[in-house]
Amino acid sequence: MLAEFLLYDNFIINKYHSIYLKLITKVINENRIYNSSIHEYHHILPKSVNGTVTIPLTFKEHFIAHRLLTKFTKGKLKHSMIFAFRTFRN
C-alpha cells in the first residue's frame, strides 16, 4: 500500500513527512474497515499526482493528514495541497 507513496520522489523529507508516514502506517497495520459514520477515504499519495490507494481515516486524522501534506510538498503540488487544506478547513 505504501509503495506508491514511497516511490514518489518529489517530497521534502522532514519531520512532517515522518509523522505522515507513521499515521498512514498505523492505519494500515490496524486493518481498518471503512465505516461511513466515522471514516473518510484518504488517498495516501495525493490524487492530483495520480495516487490510487485509499485508506479510511477518522475525520480528525484526515484533517491532520492534509495539514501534514502542506508541510512536506513542494512546487505545484504544494499549491494543490494548500488549496485542498483550505477547502477542507472551510
Protein backbone atom coordinates (compact mmCIF):
# COMPACT_ATOMS: atom_id res chain seq x y z
CA MET A 1 0.00 0.00 0.00
CA LEU A 2 2.81 2.40 0.81
CA ALA A 3 4.90 1.59 -2.27
CA GLU A 4 3.13 4.18 -4.42
CA PHE A 5 3.83 6.87 -1.82
CA LEU A 6 7.42 5.85 -1.15
CA LEU A 7 8.29 5.73 -4.86
CA TYR A 8 7.16 9.32 -5.41
CA ASP A 9 10.36 11.36 -5.25
CA ASN A 10 9.12 14.95 -5.16
CA PHE A 11 8.60 15.28 -1.39
CA ILE A 12 10.68 17.16 1.15
CA ILE A 13 11.88 14.56 3.66
CA ASN A 14 11.39 16.24 7.04
CA LYS A 15 9.67 15.63 10.37
CA TYR A 16 6.20 16.21 8.85
CA HIS A 17 6.88 13.54 6.24
CA SER A 18 7.85 11.14 9.05
CA ILE A 19 4.72 11.95 11.05
CA TYR A 20 2.56 11.39 7.96
CA LEU A 21 4.24 8.03 7.32
CA LYS A 22 3.65 6.99 10.95
CA LEU A 23 -0.03 7.93 10.71
CA ILE A 24 -0.54 6.05 7.45
CA THR A 25 1.42 3.01 8.67
CA LYS A 26 -0.61 2.92 11.88
CA VAL A 27 -3.87 2.85 9.94
CA ILE A 28 -2.62 0.18 7.53
CA ASN A 29 -1.44 -2.02 10.41
CA GLU A 30 -4.84 -1.73 12.11
CA ASN A 31 -6.55 -3.21 9.01
CA ARG A 32 -9.37 -0.72 9.42
CA ILE A 33 -12.71 -1.36 7.84
CA TYR A 34 -14.47 1.70 6.44
CA ASN A 35 -17.44 2.92 8.46
CA SER A 36 -19.17 5.92 6.85
CA SER A 37 -20.21 7.40 10.19
CA ILE A 38 -16.63 7.76 11.47
CA HIS A 39 -14.30 7.49 8.45
CA GLU A 40 -13.44 9.25 5.23
CA TYR A 41 -11.35 7.81 2.44
CA HIS A 42 -7.92 9.42 2.00
CA HIS A 43 -5.52 8.95 -0.91
CA ILE A 44 -2.12 8.03 0.55
CA LEU A 45 -0.41 9.67 -2.42
CA PRO A 46 -2.46 12.70 -3.47
CA LYS A 47 -4.92 12.09 -6.27
CA SER A 48 -3.53 15.15 -8.09
CA VAL A 49 -0.32 13.17 -8.76
CA ASN A 50 -2.23 10.03 -9.75
CA GLY A 51 -2.43 8.41 -6.34
CA THR A 52 -4.80 5.47 -6.41
CA VAL A 53 -4.60 3.78 -2.99
CA THR A 54 -7.07 4.97 -0.35
CA ILE A 55 -7.39 4.21 3.34
CA PRO A 56 -10.10 5.03 5.90
CA LEU A 57 -9.16 7.82 8.27
CA THR A 58 -11.20 9.35 11.07
CA PHE A 59 -12.25 12.93 10.46
CA LYS A 60 -9.54 14.19 12.82
CA GLU A 61 -6.83 12.02 11.22
CA HIS A 62 -7.94 13.17 7.77
CA PHE A 63 -7.63 16.82 8.79
CA ILE A 64 -4.17 16.18 10.26
CA ALA A 65 -3.05 14.26 7.17
CA HIS A 66 -3.99 17.17 4.90
CA ARG A 67 -2.22 19.64 7.20
CA LEU A 68 0.91 17.49 7.13
CA LEU A 69 0.82 17.25 3.32
CA THR A 70 1.13 21.05 3.12
CA LYS A 71 4.37 20.82 5.12
CA PHE A 72 6.38 18.37 3.00
CA THR A 73 5.24 19.00 -0.54
CA LYS A 74 6.85 21.43 -2.95
CA GLY A 75 6.18 23.23 -6.20
CA LYS A 76 2.84 22.88 -7.93
CA LEU A 77 1.82 20.03 -5.63
CA LYS A 78 2.30 22.27 -2.57
CA HIS A 79 -0.16 24.79 -4.01
CA SER A 80 -2.66 21.99 -4.63
CA MET A 81 -2.25 20.71 -1.06
CA ILE A 82 -2.68 24.19 0.42
CA PHE A 83 -5.84 24.68 -1.65
CA ALA A 84 -7.17 21.27 -0.56
CA PHE A 85 -6.41 22.01 3.10
CA ARG A 86 -8.08 25.43 2.96
CA THR A 87 -11.14 23.90 1.32
CA PHE A 88 -11.12 21.13 3.91
CA ARG A 89 -10.86 23.67 6.74
CA ASN A 90 -13.75 25.78 5.48
